[in-house]
Each structure stands twice: as structure tokens, then as C-alpha cells.
């Protein structure tokens, strides 16, 4: 008397199909997470930069606007810190800065310092799950202030008062930081 309704090869094929299906289910989540990021990034001013800067965080973001906003703020914070360090190094490596150039660079470094603090406050507020609408407005204000800091640095780079190579290097870094901060600000607007 046989105890099974299916021969061994059929069982093996069924088991293989189940395992493949399980694998597909397990692998579909990151695709859904990545799709969430891609779709949400379309509502930002720089969708391609948004996607490229946040797609590595898909597994941590899941489908959460709050977690995506924290990730975007963290990326902006990291870039702001590294830009501040790079500008400071650029200033130290250039011996022949005019007083005006030195002032502009010191002003940018100060603005980046302010921006770092504002982005850190926004991240800390968002990490607290019990946000009210008022606190979301605080977050929006801090991120807007960080963007204003970037603009203030950029304003100092206008005109011919600064060495072209140094000015262009700093401008490129500030544009990158400002775009990342703009992405974060647009994501803050999606929070309820």
C-alpha cells in the first residue's frame, strides 16, 4: 500500500516550485520599496538625484514617508558636513586668498555649520514617532533655514571678487548640497 498520492519526482518538482515562489516573494519586497522611493522621488525637484541618493536605503525606508524623509535629511546632512570640510581644506591649501575670498569662505563655513545644526534638529524631531502638525512645521522651518544657509553661501560667490577655480569648486559643492536639501524639504511636505 502506497502512502503518497504523488510520485517522488512530482514531489520534488512541487517542492522546487514552492521554493522558487518563496524566493520571489522574498525578493519582491525590495522591488516594492525601490518602487516607493522612485514614485515618491517624482514629487521632488530633482527626481533622479533623489532616487540615486536614496535607493541604497530602500530596505530601511520600506514604504514610509517618515523614514524616507529621515534618510533624505541624513544624506543632506552628510553632504553638508563633507562640503564644509572640503571648503575648509580648500581655504587652507590656497595660500594666496585675498581678504574678500577669506571672508566669503569663512562665511560659507559658518553657514554650513548652521545648516548642519538645523538638519540635525530636523532628524531628531522626525525620529520621535509622536509628531504633531506643529512639530512638522518646526521641521519644515529648520530644513528651509538650512536651504537659506546654502543660498547665503552661494550669494557670496557672485561676482568677480573671488578666484575662478576656487569659486567654481565651492559653487559645485553648494549646488549639490542645496539640491539634496531641497529634496529633503519636499519630502517633509509629504508628512502628515
N, C-alpha and C. Protein backbone atom coordinates (compact mmCIF):
# COMPACT_ATOMS: atom_id res chain seq x y z
N UNK A 1 0.82 -1.17 0.00
CA UNK A 1 0.00 0.00 0.00
C UNK A 1 0.87 1.24 0.00
N UNK A 2 0.57 2.17 -0.92
CA UNK A 2 1.35 3.39 -1.04
C UNK A 2 0.78 4.45 -0.10
N UNK A 3 1.68 5.18 0.54
CA UNK A 3 1.24 6.20 1.48
C UNK A 3 1.20 7.59 0.85
N UNK A 4 1.54 7.70 -0.42
CA UNK A 4 1.60 9.02 -1.04
C UNK A 4 0.78 9.03 -2.32
N UNK A 5 0.18 10.17 -2.59
CA UNK A 5 -0.61 10.32 -3.80
C UNK A 5 0.25 10.76 -4.98
N UNK A 6 1.44 11.33 -4.70
CA UNK A 6 2.32 11.83 -5.76
C UNK A 6 3.63 11.05 -5.78
N UNK A 7 4.10 10.69 -6.96
CA UNK A 7 5.40 10.04 -7.05
C UNK A 7 6.52 11.02 -6.66
N UNK A 8 7.65 10.49 -6.30
CA UNK A 8 8.77 11.28 -5.81
C UNK A 8 9.19 12.39 -6.78
N UNK A 9 9.29 12.18 -8.09
CA UNK A 9 9.67 13.28 -8.99
C UNK A 9 8.65 14.43 -8.96
N UNK A 10 7.39 14.13 -8.84
CA UNK A 10 6.37 15.18 -8.78
C UNK A 10 6.52 15.97 -7.49
N UNK A 11 6.81 15.27 -6.39
CA UNK A 11 7.03 15.95 -5.11
C UNK A 11 8.24 16.89 -5.21
N UNK A 12 9.28 16.43 -5.85
CA UNK A 12 10.49 17.24 -5.99
C UNK A 12 10.20 18.50 -6.80
N UNK A 13 9.44 18.34 -7.88
CA UNK A 13 9.08 19.50 -8.71
C UNK A 13 8.20 20.47 -7.92
N UNK A 14 7.22 19.96 -7.18
CA UNK A 14 6.37 20.82 -6.36
C UNK A 14 7.18 21.56 -5.31
N UNK A 15 8.10 20.86 -4.66
CA UNK A 15 8.94 21.49 -3.65
C UNK A 15 9.80 22.58 -4.28
N UNK A 16 10.35 22.31 -5.44
CA UNK A 16 11.16 23.29 -6.15
C UNK A 16 10.33 24.52 -6.51
N UNK A 17 9.11 24.30 -6.99
CA UNK A 17 8.23 25.43 -7.33
C UNK A 17 7.90 26.26 -6.10
N UNK A 18 7.65 25.62 -4.98
CA UNK A 18 7.36 26.34 -3.73
C UNK A 18 8.57 27.17 -3.32
N UNK A 19 9.76 26.58 -3.39
CA UNK A 19 10.98 27.31 -3.01
C UNK A 19 11.23 28.50 -3.93
N UNK A 20 11.02 28.32 -5.21
CA UNK A 20 11.19 29.43 -6.16
C UNK A 20 10.19 30.53 -5.86
N UNK A 21 8.94 30.15 -5.60
CA UNK A 21 7.91 31.13 -5.28
C UNK A 21 8.26 31.89 -3.99
N UNK A 22 8.74 31.16 -2.98
CA UNK A 22 9.15 31.80 -1.72
C UNK A 22 10.28 32.80 -1.98
N UNK A 23 11.22 32.40 -2.82
CA UNK A 23 12.34 33.27 -3.15
C UNK A 23 11.85 34.52 -3.86
N UNK A 24 10.91 34.37 -4.78
CA UNK A 24 10.35 35.52 -5.49
C UNK A 24 9.62 36.45 -4.54
N UNK A 25 8.89 35.90 -3.59
CA UNK A 25 8.19 36.72 -2.60
C UNK A 25 9.20 37.49 -1.77
N UNK A 26 10.24 36.82 -1.33
CA UNK A 26 11.27 37.48 -0.51
C UNK A 26 11.97 38.58 -1.29
N UNK A 27 12.20 38.34 -2.57
CA UNK A 27 12.89 39.34 -3.38
C UNK A 27 11.98 40.45 -3.88
N UNK A 28 10.68 40.29 -3.78
CA UNK A 28 9.78 41.32 -4.30
C UNK A 28 9.69 42.52 -3.37
N UNK A 29 9.96 42.34 -2.09
CA UNK A 29 9.86 43.46 -1.15
C UNK A 29 10.81 44.61 -1.49
N UNK A 30 12.12 44.34 -1.72
CA UNK A 30 12.99 45.45 -2.09
C UNK A 30 12.52 46.15 -3.36
N UNK A 31 11.97 45.39 -4.31
CA UNK A 31 11.46 46.00 -5.52
C UNK A 31 10.31 46.94 -5.18
N UNK A 32 9.42 46.52 -4.28
CA UNK A 32 8.32 47.39 -3.86
C UNK A 32 8.87 48.61 -3.13
N UNK A 33 9.88 48.41 -2.27
CA UNK A 33 10.49 49.52 -1.56
C UNK A 33 11.15 50.49 -2.53
N UNK A 34 11.86 49.94 -3.50
CA UNK A 34 12.52 50.78 -4.51
C UNK A 34 11.48 51.51 -5.35
N UNK A 35 10.39 50.84 -5.67
CA UNK A 35 9.33 51.49 -6.45
C UNK A 35 8.71 52.63 -5.65
N UNK A 36 8.53 52.43 -4.35
CA UNK A 36 8.00 53.50 -3.49
C UNK A 36 8.93 54.72 -3.54
N UNK A 37 10.22 54.47 -3.44
CA UNK A 37 11.19 55.58 -3.49
C UNK A 37 11.13 56.26 -4.86
N UNK A 38 11.11 55.47 -5.92
CA UNK A 38 11.07 56.03 -7.27
C UNK A 38 9.82 56.89 -7.48
N UNK A 39 8.69 56.38 -7.06
CA UNK A 39 7.43 57.13 -7.20
C UNK A 39 7.45 58.40 -6.37
N UNK A 40 7.90 58.29 -5.13
CA UNK A 40 7.92 59.45 -4.24
C UNK A 40 8.92 60.49 -4.73
N UNK A 41 10.05 60.05 -5.25
CA UNK A 41 11.06 60.99 -5.76
C UNK A 41 10.53 61.83 -6.92
N UNK A 42 9.54 61.32 -7.63
CA UNK A 42 8.97 62.09 -8.74
C UNK A 42 8.34 63.39 -8.26
N UNK A 43 7.99 63.47 -6.98
CA UNK A 43 7.37 64.69 -6.45
C UNK A 43 8.40 65.68 -5.93
N UNK A 44 9.68 65.37 -6.10
CA UNK A 44 10.74 66.27 -5.63
C UNK A 44 11.28 67.09 -6.81
N UNK A 45 12.00 68.17 -6.51
CA UNK A 45 12.53 68.99 -7.61
C UNK A 45 13.65 68.32 -8.41
N UNK A 46 14.28 67.30 -7.84
CA UNK A 46 15.39 66.61 -8.50
C UNK A 46 15.17 65.09 -8.40
N UNK A 47 14.23 64.55 -9.19
CA UNK A 47 13.86 63.13 -9.05
C UNK A 47 15.02 62.16 -9.24
N UNK A 48 15.88 62.41 -10.21
CA UNK A 48 16.99 61.48 -10.46
C UNK A 48 17.99 61.48 -9.31
N UNK A 49 18.32 62.67 -8.81
CA UNK A 49 19.24 62.77 -7.67
C UNK A 49 18.60 62.15 -6.43
N UNK A 50 17.32 62.37 -6.25
CA UNK A 50 16.58 61.77 -5.13
C UNK A 50 16.70 60.25 -5.19
N UNK A 51 16.40 59.69 -6.33
CA UNK A 51 16.44 58.23 -6.49
C UNK A 51 17.85 57.68 -6.27
N UNK A 52 18.84 58.32 -6.87
CA UNK A 52 20.21 57.80 -6.74
C UNK A 52 20.74 57.95 -5.32
N UNK A 53 20.30 58.98 -4.61
CA UNK A 53 20.82 59.17 -3.25
C UNK A 53 20.08 58.35 -2.20
N UNK A 54 18.88 57.88 -2.52
CA UNK A 54 18.09 57.15 -1.52
C UNK A 54 17.86 55.67 -1.84
N UNK A 55 18.14 55.24 -3.06
CA UNK A 55 17.81 53.86 -3.43
C UNK A 55 18.59 52.83 -2.62
N UNK A 56 19.79 53.16 -2.18
CA UNK A 56 20.54 52.22 -1.34
C UNK A 56 19.88 52.00 0.02
N UNK A 57 19.01 52.91 0.41
CA UNK A 57 18.33 52.82 1.71
C UNK A 57 16.94 52.20 1.60
N UNK A 58 16.61 51.62 0.46
CA UNK A 58 15.26 51.10 0.22
C UNK A 58 14.79 50.13 1.30
N UNK A 59 15.65 49.23 1.71
CA UNK A 59 15.26 48.24 2.72
C UNK A 59 14.93 48.89 4.06
N UNK A 60 15.62 49.96 4.39
CA UNK A 60 15.37 50.66 5.66
C UNK A 60 14.16 51.58 5.56
N UNK A 61 13.89 52.10 4.38
CA UNK A 61 12.79 53.05 4.19
C UNK A 61 11.45 52.33 4.13
N UNK A 62 11.43 51.13 3.56
CA UNK A 62 10.19 50.38 3.32
C UNK A 62 9.27 51.27 2.48
N UNK A 63 8.09 51.53 2.95
CA UNK A 63 7.16 52.42 2.24
C UNK A 63 6.71 53.51 3.19
N UNK A 64 7.66 54.09 3.88
CA UNK A 64 7.36 55.09 4.91
C UNK A 64 7.89 56.46 4.49
N UNK A 65 6.98 57.43 4.39
CA UNK A 65 7.41 58.80 4.09
C UNK A 65 8.32 59.34 5.18
N UNK A 66 8.02 58.99 6.43
CA UNK A 66 8.83 59.48 7.55
C UNK A 66 10.26 58.94 7.44
N UNK A 67 10.39 57.63 7.22
CA UNK A 67 11.72 57.04 7.11
C UNK A 67 12.46 57.54 5.87
N UNK A 68 11.73 57.77 4.79
CA UNK A 68 12.36 58.30 3.58
C UNK A 68 12.85 59.73 3.83
N UNK A 69 12.07 60.50 4.56
CA UNK A 69 12.47 61.87 4.87
C UNK A 69 13.69 61.88 5.77
N UNK A 70 13.71 61.00 6.77
CA UNK A 70 14.90 60.89 7.64
C UNK A 70 16.13 60.53 6.80
N UNK A 71 15.97 59.59 5.88
CA UNK A 71 17.10 59.19 5.02
C UNK A 71 17.57 60.36 4.16
N UNK A 72 16.63 61.11 3.59
CA UNK A 72 17.00 62.26 2.76
C UNK A 72 17.69 63.34 3.58
N UNK A 73 17.19 63.58 4.79
CA UNK A 73 17.83 64.56 5.67
C UNK A 73 19.24 64.10 6.06
N UNK A 74 19.39 62.81 6.29
CA UNK A 74 20.70 62.27 6.65
C UNK A 74 21.69 62.41 5.49
N UNK A 75 21.23 62.17 4.28
CA UNK A 75 22.08 62.36 3.10
C UNK A 75 22.48 63.83 2.98
N UNK A 76 21.51 64.73 3.14
CA UNK A 76 21.81 66.17 3.07
C UNK A 76 22.79 66.57 4.16
N UNK A 77 22.60 66.05 5.36
CA UNK A 77 23.49 66.35 6.49
C UNK A 77 24.91 65.86 6.19
N UNK A 78 25.04 64.64 5.72
CA UNK A 78 26.35 64.07 5.41
C UNK A 78 27.07 64.91 4.35
N UNK A 79 26.34 65.30 3.31
CA UNK A 79 26.94 66.10 2.24
C UNK A 79 27.29 67.51 2.72
N UNK A 80 26.47 68.06 3.60
CA UNK A 80 26.77 69.39 4.14
C UNK A 80 28.04 69.35 4.97
N UNK A 81 28.17 68.33 5.80
CA UNK A 81 29.40 68.18 6.61
C UNK A 81 30.63 68.02 5.72
N UNK A 82 30.53 67.15 4.73
CA UNK A 82 31.70 66.91 3.87
C UNK A 82 32.02 68.14 3.03
N UNK A 83 31.01 68.89 2.62
CA UNK A 83 31.25 70.12 1.87
C UNK A 83 31.94 71.15 2.74
N UNK A 84 31.50 71.27 3.98
CA UNK A 84 32.13 72.21 4.91
C UNK A 84 33.61 71.86 5.09
N UNK A 85 33.90 70.59 5.28
CA UNK A 85 35.29 70.14 5.43
C UNK A 85 36.10 70.40 4.17
N UNK A 86 35.50 70.14 3.02
CA UNK A 86 36.19 70.35 1.74
C UNK A 86 36.49 71.83 1.52
N UNK A 87 35.53 72.69 1.84
CA UNK A 87 35.74 74.14 1.67
C UNK A 87 36.83 74.62 2.63
N UNK A 88 36.81 74.10 3.83
CA UNK A 88 37.85 74.46 4.80
C UNK A 88 39.23 74.00 4.31
N UNK A 89 39.32 72.80 3.79
CA UNK A 89 40.59 72.30 3.24
C UNK A 89 41.04 73.12 2.05
N UNK A 90 40.09 73.49 1.21
CA UNK A 90 40.40 74.30 0.04
C UNK A 90 40.98 75.64 0.47
N UNK A 91 40.41 76.22 1.50
CA UNK A 91 40.90 77.51 2.01
C UNK A 91 42.31 77.37 2.58
N UNK A 92 42.57 76.28 3.29
CA UNK A 92 43.89 76.07 3.89
C UNK A 92 44.96 75.79 2.83
N UNK A 93 44.56 75.12 1.76
CA UNK A 93 45.53 74.76 0.73
C UNK A 93 45.84 75.93 -0.21
N UNK A 94 45.02 76.95 -0.18
CA UNK A 94 45.24 78.11 -1.04
C UNK A 94 45.85 79.24 -0.22
N UNK A 95 47.16 79.45 -0.40
CA UNK A 95 47.88 80.43 0.41
C UNK A 95 47.56 81.86 0.01
N UNK A 96 47.17 82.07 -1.20
CA UNK A 96 47.05 83.43 -1.72
C UNK A 96 45.61 83.93 -1.76
N UNK A 97 44.86 83.69 -0.71
CA UNK A 97 43.48 84.20 -0.67
C UNK A 97 43.50 85.70 -0.37
N UNK A 98 42.67 86.42 -1.08
CA UNK A 98 42.51 87.84 -0.76
C UNK A 98 41.65 87.94 0.50
N UNK A 99 41.65 89.09 1.16
CA UNK A 99 40.78 89.23 2.33
C UNK A 99 39.31 88.95 1.99
N UNK A 100 38.87 89.38 0.83
CA UNK A 100 37.48 89.14 0.40
C UNK A 100 37.21 87.64 0.24
N UNK A 101 38.12 86.93 -0.39
CA UNK A 101 37.96 85.48 -0.56
C UNK A 101 37.93 84.78 0.79
N UNK A 102 38.81 85.19 1.68
CA UNK A 102 38.83 84.61 3.02
C UNK A 102 37.52 84.83 3.75
N UNK A 103 36.96 86.04 3.60
CA UNK A 103 35.68 86.35 4.23
C UNK A 103 34.57 85.47 3.67
N UNK A 104 34.52 85.35 2.35
CA UNK A 104 33.48 84.55 1.70
C UNK A 104 33.57 83.09 2.16
N UNK A 105 34.77 82.56 2.21
CA UNK A 105 34.94 81.17 2.61
C UNK A 105 34.56 80.98 4.08
N UNK A 106 34.99 81.89 4.95
CA UNK A 106 34.61 81.79 6.37
C UNK A 106 33.09 81.88 6.53
N UNK A 107 32.47 82.75 5.73
CA UNK A 107 31.01 82.88 5.79
C UNK A 107 30.34 81.57 5.36
N UNK A 108 30.84 80.96 4.30
CA UNK A 108 30.27 79.69 3.84
C UNK A 108 30.42 78.61 4.91
N UNK A 109 31.60 78.54 5.52
CA UNK A 109 31.83 77.53 6.55
C UNK A 109 30.88 77.76 7.73
N UNK A 110 30.66 79.01 8.09
CA UNK A 110 29.71 79.33 9.17
C UNK A 110 28.28 78.94 8.77
N UNK A 111 27.92 79.23 7.54
CA UNK A 111 26.58 78.86 7.05
C UNK A 111 26.40 77.34 7.05
N UNK A 112 27.43 76.61 6.63
CA UNK A 112 27.35 75.15 6.65
C UNK A 112 27.20 74.64 8.08
N UNK A 113 27.89 75.27 9.03
CA UNK A 113 27.76 74.89 10.44
C UNK A 113 26.33 75.06 10.92
N UNK A 114 25.72 76.20 10.55
CA UNK A 114 24.31 76.43 10.91
C UNK A 114 23.42 75.37 10.27
N UNK A 115 23.68 75.10 9.00
CA UNK A 115 22.88 74.12 8.27
C UNK A 115 22.98 72.73 8.91
N UNK A 116 24.17 72.35 9.33
CA UNK A 116 24.37 71.06 10.00
C UNK A 116 23.49 70.98 11.24
N UNK A 117 23.50 72.02 12.05
CA UNK A 117 22.70 72.03 13.28
C UNK A 117 21.21 71.95 12.97
N UNK A 118 20.76 72.68 11.97
CA UNK A 118 19.33 72.67 11.61
C UNK A 118 18.90 71.30 11.08
N UNK A 119 19.72 70.70 10.26
CA UNK A 119 19.39 69.37 9.74
C UNK A 119 19.39 68.33 10.86
N UNK A 120 20.33 68.44 11.79
CA UNK A 120 20.36 67.51 12.93
C UNK A 120 19.09 67.65 13.77
N UNK A 121 18.65 68.89 14.01
CA UNK A 121 17.42 69.08 14.79
C UNK A 121 16.22 68.48 14.07
N UNK A 122 16.16 68.65 12.76
CA UNK A 122 15.05 68.09 11.98
C UNK A 122 15.05 66.57 12.07
N UNK A 123 16.22 65.96 11.95
CA UNK A 123 16.31 64.49 12.04
C UNK A 123 15.87 64.01 13.41
N UNK A 124 16.35 64.66 14.45
CA UNK A 124 15.97 64.26 15.82
C UNK A 124 14.46 64.36 16.03
N UNK A 125 13.87 65.44 15.56
CA UNK A 125 12.41 65.59 15.69
C UNK A 125 11.68 64.48 14.95
N UNK A 126 12.15 64.15 13.76
CA UNK A 126 11.47 63.12 12.96
C UNK A 126 11.64 61.72 13.54
N UNK A 127 12.72 61.50 14.25
CA UNK A 127 12.93 60.18 14.85
C UNK A 127 11.93 59.90 15.96
N UNK A 128 11.34 60.95 16.51
CA UNK A 128 10.29 60.80 17.51
C UNK A 128 8.99 60.55 16.76
N UNK A 129 8.40 59.39 16.96
CA UNK A 129 7.19 58.99 16.22
C UNK A 129 5.95 59.79 16.58
N UNK A 130 5.95 60.49 17.68
CA UNK A 130 4.75 61.17 18.16
C UNK A 130 4.73 62.63 17.71
N UNK A 131 4.77 62.86 16.43
CA UNK A 131 4.81 64.21 15.89
C UNK A 131 3.41 64.80 15.76
N UNK A 132 3.33 66.06 16.11
CA UNK A 132 2.10 66.80 15.86
C UNK A 132 2.32 67.64 14.61
N UNK A 133 1.26 68.23 14.11
CA UNK A 133 1.39 69.09 12.93
C UNK A 133 2.31 70.27 13.22
N UNK A 134 2.24 70.80 14.45
CA UNK A 134 3.08 71.92 14.84
C UNK A 134 4.56 71.54 14.75
N UNK A 135 4.90 70.35 15.23
CA UNK A 135 6.30 69.92 15.19
C UNK A 135 6.76 69.66 13.76
N UNK A 136 5.86 69.21 12.90
CA UNK A 136 6.21 69.04 11.50
C UNK A 136 6.53 70.40 10.88
N UNK A 137 5.83 71.43 11.30
CA UNK A 137 6.13 72.79 10.83
C UNK A 137 7.51 73.23 11.31
N UNK A 138 7.89 72.84 12.53
CA UNK A 138 9.24 73.13 13.03
C UNK A 138 10.29 72.48 12.13
N UNK A 139 10.04 71.24 11.77
CA UNK A 139 10.96 70.51 10.90
C UNK A 139 11.09 71.23 9.56
N UNK A 140 9.96 71.62 9.00
CA UNK A 140 9.96 72.34 7.72
C UNK A 140 10.76 73.65 7.85
N UNK A 141 10.59 74.35 8.98
CA UNK A 141 11.30 75.60 9.21
C UNK A 141 12.81 75.38 9.27
N UNK A 142 13.24 74.33 9.98
CA UNK A 142 14.67 74.05 10.09
C UNK A 142 15.28 73.68 8.75
N UNK A 143 14.58 72.87 7.98
CA UNK A 143 15.12 72.46 6.68
C UNK A 143 15.13 73.66 5.72
N UNK A 144 14.10 74.50 5.79
CA UNK A 144 14.09 75.73 4.98
C UNK A 144 15.25 76.64 5.36
N UNK A 145 15.53 76.73 6.66
CA UNK A 145 16.65 77.55 7.12
C UNK A 145 17.97 76.99 6.60
N UNK A 146 18.11 75.67 6.58
CA UNK A 146 19.33 75.05 6.04
C UNK A 146 19.49 75.40 4.57
N UNK A 147 18.39 75.39 3.83
CA UNK A 147 18.44 75.75 2.42
C UNK A 147 18.81 77.23 2.25
N UNK A 148 18.30 78.08 3.12
CA UNK A 148 18.65 79.50 3.10
C UNK A 148 20.14 79.68 3.38
N UNK A 149 20.69 78.88 4.29
CA UNK A 149 22.13 78.93 4.57
C UNK A 149 22.93 78.63 3.30
N UNK A 150 22.49 77.63 2.55
CA UNK A 150 23.17 77.29 1.29
C UNK A 150 23.11 78.47 0.32
N UNK A 151 21.93 79.09 0.23
CA UNK A 151 21.76 80.24 -0.66
C UNK A 151 22.64 81.41 -0.23
N UNK A 152 22.77 81.63 1.07
CA UNK A 152 23.60 82.72 1.58
C UNK A 152 25.06 82.50 1.20
N UNK A 153 25.52 81.28 1.32
CA UNK A 153 26.89 80.97 0.88
C UNK A 153 27.04 81.26 -0.60
N UNK A 154 26.07 80.81 -1.38
CA UNK A 154 26.13 81.00 -2.83
C UNK A 154 26.13 82.48 -3.20
N UNK A 155 25.37 83.29 -2.45
CA UNK A 155 25.33 84.74 -2.71
C UNK A 155 26.72 85.36 -2.60
N UNK A 156 27.52 84.88 -1.67
CA UNK A 156 28.87 85.41 -1.51
C UNK A 156 29.80 85.06 -2.66
N UNK A 157 29.41 84.08 -3.44
CA UNK A 157 30.26 83.64 -4.56
C UNK A 157 29.95 84.38 -5.86
N UNK A 158 28.98 85.28 -5.83
CA UNK A 158 28.58 86.02 -7.02
C UNK A 158 29.62 87.12 -7.29
N UNK A 159 29.88 87.36 -8.55
CA UNK A 159 30.81 88.44 -8.91
C UNK A 159 32.22 87.94 -9.15
N UNK A 160 33.11 88.89 -9.33
CA UNK A 160 34.50 88.58 -9.68
C UNK A 160 35.46 88.72 -8.51
N UNK A 161 34.93 88.86 -7.32
CA UNK A 161 35.79 89.12 -6.17
C UNK A 161 36.54 87.87 -5.70
N UNK A 162 36.32 86.75 -6.37
CA UNK A 162 36.94 85.51 -5.91
C UNK A 162 37.61 84.79 -7.07
N UNK A 163 38.69 84.08 -6.77
CA UNK A 163 39.42 83.27 -7.73
C UNK A 163 38.46 82.32 -8.43
N UNK A 164 38.52 82.28 -9.76
CA UNK A 164 37.59 81.47 -10.54
C UNK A 164 37.59 80.00 -10.20
N UNK A 165 38.78 79.40 -10.03
CA UNK A 165 38.85 77.97 -9.74
C UNK A 165 38.25 77.64 -8.38
N UNK A 166 38.62 78.42 -7.37
CA UNK A 166 38.09 78.18 -6.02
C UNK A 166 36.59 78.40 -6.01
N UNK A 167 36.17 79.50 -6.63
CA UNK A 167 34.75 79.83 -6.66
C UNK A 167 33.94 78.72 -7.33
N UNK A 168 34.40 78.23 -8.46
CA UNK A 168 33.66 77.19 -9.18
C UNK A 168 33.62 75.88 -8.39
N UNK A 169 34.70 75.57 -7.71
CA UNK A 169 34.72 74.35 -6.88
C UNK A 169 33.71 74.45 -5.75
N UNK A 170 33.70 75.60 -5.08
CA UNK A 170 32.76 75.78 -3.97
C UNK A 170 31.32 75.80 -4.49
N UNK A 171 31.08 76.50 -5.59
CA UNK A 171 29.73 76.57 -6.15
C UNK A 171 29.18 75.18 -6.47
N UNK A 172 30.01 74.34 -7.07
CA UNK A 172 29.56 72.99 -7.43
C UNK A 172 29.15 72.21 -6.18
N UNK A 173 29.93 72.35 -5.11
CA UNK A 173 29.61 71.64 -3.87
C UNK A 173 28.34 72.19 -3.24
N UNK A 174 28.18 73.52 -3.26
CA UNK A 174 27.00 74.14 -2.66
C UNK A 174 25.74 73.76 -3.44
N UNK A 175 25.84 73.72 -4.75
CA UNK A 175 24.68 73.32 -5.57
C UNK A 175 24.25 71.91 -5.20
N UNK A 176 25.21 71.00 -5.05
CA UNK A 176 24.90 69.62 -4.68
C UNK A 176 24.18 69.57 -3.33
N UNK A 177 24.73 70.27 -2.35
CA UNK A 177 24.12 70.30 -1.01
C UNK A 177 22.72 70.92 -1.07
N UNK A 178 22.58 72.02 -1.81
CA UNK A 178 21.28 72.70 -1.90
C UNK A 178 20.24 71.80 -2.57
N UNK A 179 20.63 71.05 -3.58
CA UNK A 179 19.69 70.15 -4.24
C UNK A 179 19.25 69.03 -3.30
N UNK A 180 20.19 68.48 -2.55
CA UNK A 180 19.84 67.42 -1.59
C UNK A 180 18.94 67.96 -0.48
N UNK A 181 19.21 69.17 -0.04
CA UNK A 181 18.38 69.80 1.00
C UNK A 181 16.99 70.10 0.44
N UNK A 182 16.91 70.51 -0.81
CA UNK A 182 15.61 70.76 -1.46
C UNK A 182 14.78 69.48 -1.54
N UNK A 183 15.44 68.38 -1.85
CA UNK A 183 14.75 67.08 -1.89
C UNK A 183 14.18 66.77 -0.51
N UNK A 184 15.00 66.94 0.52
CA UNK A 184 14.54 66.66 1.89
C UNK A 184 13.36 67.56 2.24
N UNK A 185 13.44 68.83 1.87
CA UNK A 185 12.35 69.76 2.17
C UNK A 185 11.06 69.35 1.47
N UNK A 186 11.16 68.91 0.23
CA UNK A 186 9.94 68.48 -0.47
C UNK A 186 9.36 67.23 0.16
N UNK A 187 10.20 66.36 0.71
CA UNK A 187 9.69 65.16 1.40
C UNK A 187 9.05 65.52 2.74
N UNK A 188 9.58 66.53 3.42
CA UNK A 188 8.95 67.00 4.67
C UNK A 188 7.52 67.42 4.38
N UNK A 189 7.31 68.01 3.22
CA UNK A 189 5.96 68.47 2.85
C UNK A 189 4.97 67.33 2.68
N UNK A 190 5.47 66.11 2.48
CA UNK A 190 4.58 64.95 2.33
C UNK A 190 4.14 64.37 3.67
N UNK A 191 4.79 64.81 4.74
CA UNK A 191 4.45 64.28 6.07
C UNK A 191 3.12 64.84 6.53
N UNK A 192 2.36 64.02 7.19
CA UNK A 192 1.06 64.46 7.71
C UNK A 192 1.16 64.67 9.19
